[in-house]
Structures are given as C-alpha cells and as structure tokens.
Protein backbone atom coordinates (compact mmCIF):
# COMPACT_ATOMS: atom_id res chain seq x y z
CA UNK A 1 0.00 0.00 0.00
CA UNK A 2 1.36 3.41 -0.97
CA UNK A 3 -0.18 6.77 -0.19
CA UNK A 4 0.18 10.10 -1.99
CA UNK A 5 -1.20 13.50 -0.96
CA UNK A 6 -3.17 14.80 -3.96
CA UNK A 7 -5.17 17.65 -2.42
CA UNK A 8 -5.59 19.64 0.76
CA UNK A 9 -8.49 17.51 1.98
CA UNK A 10 -7.42 13.95 1.31
CA UNK A 11 -4.88 11.49 0.06
CA UNK A 12 -4.94 8.73 -2.49
CA UNK A 13 -3.79 5.22 -1.64
CA UNK A 14 -2.65 2.72 -4.25
CA UNK A 15 -3.08 -1.03 -3.71
CA UNK A 16 -0.68 -3.56 -5.17
CA UNK A 17 -0.46 -7.34 -5.43
CA UNK A 18 3.01 -8.76 -6.11
CA UNK A 19 4.24 -5.20 -6.85
CA UNK A 20 1.60 -4.65 -9.57
CA UNK A 21 -1.03 -1.91 -9.14
CA UNK A 22 -4.55 -3.28 -8.84
CA UNK A 23 -6.57 -0.39 -7.41
CA UNK A 24 -6.67 2.75 -5.35
CA UNK A 25 -8.66 4.52 -2.71
CA UNK A 26 -9.58 8.15 -2.21
CA UNK A 27 -11.14 9.73 0.84
CA UNK A 28 -14.41 11.40 -0.15
CA UNK A 29 -13.89 15.17 0.06
CA UNK A 30 -16.29 17.65 1.66
CA UNK A 31 -17.23 18.88 -1.83
CA UNK A 32 -17.99 15.34 -2.97
CA UNK A 33 -20.11 14.68 0.14
CA UNK A 34 -22.15 17.83 -0.61
CA UNK A 35 -22.84 16.39 -4.08
CA UNK A 36 -24.12 13.14 -2.54
CA UNK A 37 -21.15 10.99 -3.54
CA UNK A 38 -21.03 7.74 -1.58
CA UNK A 39 -18.29 5.15 -1.18
CA UNK A 40 -17.95 2.92 -4.23
CA UNK A 41 -15.42 1.30 -6.54
CA UNK A 42 -14.89 3.22 -9.77
CA UNK A 43 -13.60 1.90 -13.03
CA UNK A 44 -11.19 3.77 -15.28
CA UNK A 45 -11.22 3.13 -19.01
CA UNK A 46 -7.93 3.91 -20.71
CA UNK A 47 -8.02 6.27 -23.70
CA UNK A 48 -5.35 7.74 -25.96
CA UNK A 49 -6.75 11.30 -25.96
CA UNK A 50 -8.80 12.29 -22.91
CA UNK A 51 -10.23 15.52 -24.30
CA UNK A 52 -11.29 13.84 -27.56
CA UNK A 53 -13.02 10.93 -25.78
CA UNK A 54 -14.71 13.24 -23.27
CA UNK A 55 -16.21 15.30 -26.12
CA UNK A 56 -17.24 12.14 -27.99
CA UNK A 57 -18.87 10.71 -24.85
CA UNK A 58 -20.82 13.93 -24.32
CA UNK A 59 -22.04 13.88 -27.95
CA UNK A 60 -23.21 10.29 -27.37
CA UNK A 61 -25.27 11.37 -24.35
CA UNK A 62 -22.88 11.24 -21.38
CA UNK A 63 -22.90 13.92 -18.71
CA UNK A 64 -19.57 15.35 -17.60
CA UNK A 65 -19.39 15.22 -13.81
CA UNK A 66 -15.78 16.40 -13.58
CA UNK A 67 -14.06 17.79 -16.66
CA UNK A 68 -10.61 16.50 -17.62
CA UNK A 69 -7.91 17.22 -15.05
CA UNK A 70 -4.37 16.10 -14.28
CA UNK A 71 -3.58 13.66 -11.50
CA UNK A 72 -0.04 14.73 -10.60
CA UNK A 73 2.29 13.27 -13.23
CA UNK A 74 0.43 9.93 -13.28
CA UNK A 75 -2.11 10.84 -15.94
CA UNK A 76 -5.27 12.74 -16.74
CA UNK A 77 -8.82 11.73 -15.91
CA UNK A 78 -12.45 12.79 -16.29
CA UNK A 79 -15.55 11.58 -14.46
CA UNK A 80 -18.69 10.99 -16.52
CA UNK A 81 -22.16 9.50 -16.26
CA UNK A 82 -23.34 7.38 -19.18
CA UNK A 83 -26.79 8.03 -20.72
CA UNK A 84 -28.39 5.52 -18.29
CA UNK A 85 -26.71 7.15 -15.26
CA UNK A 86 -23.79 4.80 -14.53
CA UNK A 87 -20.67 6.68 -13.46
CA UNK A 88 -17.33 5.82 -15.06
CA UNK A 89 -13.93 7.45 -15.51
CA UNK A 90 -11.73 8.00 -18.52
CA UNK A 91 -7.97 7.70 -18.00
CA UNK A 92 -5.18 8.98 -20.23
CA UNK A 93 -1.97 7.56 -18.81
CA UNK A 94 1.23 9.53 -18.43
CA UNK A 95 3.51 7.78 -15.90
CA UNK A 96 0.80 5.49 -14.50
CA UNK A 97 -0.40 3.12 -17.23
CA UNK A 98 -3.11 1.60 -15.06
CA UNK A 99 -3.44 -1.94 -13.81
CA UNK A 100 -0.31 -3.95 -13.61
CA UNK A 101 -2.17 -7.15 -12.75
CA UNK A 102 -5.44 -7.56 -14.65
CA UNK A 103 -5.10 -11.28 -15.15
CA UNK A 104 -7.70 -13.90 -14.40
CA UNK A 105 -7.01 -16.14 -11.47
CA UNK A 106 -4.45 -13.97 -9.65
CA UNK A 107 -5.65 -13.76 -6.04
CA UNK A 108 -6.58 -10.23 -4.94
CA UNK A 109 -6.70 -8.65 -8.41
CA UNK A 110 -9.71 -7.33 -10.33
CA UNK A 111 -11.30 -10.17 -12.26
CA UNK A 112 -14.33 -8.66 -13.97
CA UNK A 113 -16.15 -5.38 -14.61
CA UNK A 114 -19.93 -5.45 -14.91
CA UNK A 115 -22.47 -2.80 -15.84
CA UNK A 116 -25.87 -3.06 -14.16
CA UNK A 117 -28.22 -0.83 -16.16
CA UNK A 118 -31.87 0.12 -16.43
CA UNK A 119 -31.53 0.69 -20.20
CA UNK A 120 -29.70 -2.16 -21.88
CA UNK A 121 -30.10 -0.81 -25.41
CA UNK A 122 -28.93 2.74 -24.67
CA UNK A 123 -26.00 1.59 -22.53
CA UNK A 124 -24.86 -0.99 -25.07
CA UNK A 125 -24.98 1.44 -27.97
CA UNK A 126 -23.13 4.08 -25.94
CA UNK A 127 -20.11 1.94 -24.94
CA UNK A 128 -19.85 0.22 -28.32
CA UNK A 129 -19.91 3.58 -30.13
CA UNK A 130 -17.47 5.23 -27.74
CA UNK A 131 -14.87 2.46 -27.40
CA UNK A 132 -15.52 0.13 -30.38
CA UNK A 133 -16.42 -2.69 -28.01
CA UNK A 134 -18.03 -5.71 -29.66
CA UNK A 135 -21.08 -7.19 -27.89
CA UNK A 136 -21.96 -10.87 -27.53
CA UNK A 137 -25.37 -11.46 -25.95
CA UNK A 138 -26.55 -14.64 -24.32
CA UNK A 139 -29.84 -15.70 -22.77
CA UNK A 140 -29.84 -16.45 -19.08
CA UNK A 141 -32.61 -17.33 -16.62
CA UNK A 142 -32.74 -13.73 -15.44
CA UNK A 143 -32.63 -12.22 -18.96
CA UNK A 144 -29.94 -11.24 -21.43
CA UNK A 145 -26.31 -10.94 -20.45
CA UNK A 146 -23.92 -9.15 -22.78
CA UNK A 147 -20.18 -9.69 -22.81
CA UNK A 148 -18.09 -6.96 -24.39
CA UNK A 149 -14.88 -7.69 -26.22
CA UNK A 150 -12.02 -5.53 -27.39
CA UNK A 151 -9.38 -6.99 -29.69
CA UNK A 152 -10.89 -10.44 -29.11
CA UNK A 153 -10.57 -10.25 -25.31
CA UNK A 154 -13.53 -10.27 -22.94
CA UNK A 155 -13.32 -7.02 -20.96
CA UNK A 156 -16.72 -6.41 -19.34
CA UNK A 157 -20.28 -7.62 -18.97
CA UNK A 158 -23.69 -5.97 -18.82
CA UNK A 159 -27.17 -6.91 -17.66
CA UNK A 160 -30.49 -5.10 -17.36
CA UNK A 161 -31.65 -4.69 -13.79
CA UNK A 162 -35.09 -6.06 -13.04
CA UNK A 163 -38.06 -4.29 -11.50
CA UNK A 164 -36.94 -5.38 -8.02
CA UNK A 165 -33.86 -3.15 -8.52
CA UNK A 166 -35.74 -0.06 -9.73
CA UNK A 167 -34.47 2.10 -6.85
CA UNK A 168 -30.81 1.23 -7.49
CA UNK A 169 -29.13 3.54 -10.00
CA UNK A 170 -27.30 2.10 -13.01
CA UNK A 171 -23.74 1.33 -11.92
CA UNK A 172 -20.46 -0.40 -12.64
CA UNK A 173 -19.33 -3.24 -10.35
CA UNK A 174 -15.77 -4.44 -9.90
CA UNK A 175 -15.25 -8.10 -9.00
CA UNK A 176 -12.09 -9.18 -7.18
C-alpha cells in the first residue's frame, strides 16, 4: 500500500499485489459529500486522448461530472455519467499506465467489470460507439447478459436490472 497527498483535503492510496497496481482509494472530500457521492469502486477506461473521448462521450449522451484534469504526473482523468446514469472514468496515462495485474485467477486482483443498467439498449450502444467494443449477448434465466470484447478479449459484462432493482441507479461493479 502506498499513499500520496493529492489535495488539501485527502490522500490517495494505491493497492498492489506482487508489486503490480490493482486499485486505489480516495477519501471522499467535503465537496464530494455535498454532491451526494457515496463510497464505491470506480472503473477507469484507458483512452489515448482524454479531451477527444470526453467530447465524444458527451455527444453520445454522457454527462460530464468532472471535466478532464491532471492527477499529478500519473495521468489525466475525467468523471462521466453514461446516458443511463452509470458513473465511469476515462484515464489517459502519463507515468501510471493503469493496472499492472489484470489477469484472471491472480488472487486479490480485479477479475471482472460489470455494468448493471436500467436501459440495456442505450448503454450498449453508448459503450460500443465510444470504445468500439463488440457485444456478444446470451440468454440467461434472469434475462440477457452481454459480454463486451475488445481486440478479441472479454473485458466487461452488462445486464439489465429487473423491477426489483428499480431504486438502485445504473452502476459499474468491480469483481475481485
């Protein structure tokens, strides 16, 4: 565990497994609390040009929660909400490329990213248009489940939340 002071009201901790970065933690600031932000895991999707992808996401229906900004010399990020309301982050790496250990079966590392959404069609179209992800849908007992691939590799899944989850906002889950 390493910790770096990134602002006057909090620090950022990085978590590693076998010396490879697998996640981080940030204390929720007073400003974030005023906005209703609650503790959660966030996902960061790597992009080559943060400003370009932020503009493209907005044109596709995303809301910009926090415009692009630098995170020390590690990289640049932006916080957005997709058209169905799920929050995600864009990441343009500088010194920090991102995960050093996103491999299946390594204990303590992220294993899967899953979007729970109230609008399967809108969410699917958004991420496929923004990142060129390719969807593969399958029927399950609870409904459709879509696996997204990039360059032939499975990178995320998505399912439509049922009526029993109507009060839960669309969200990304990280599985360890």
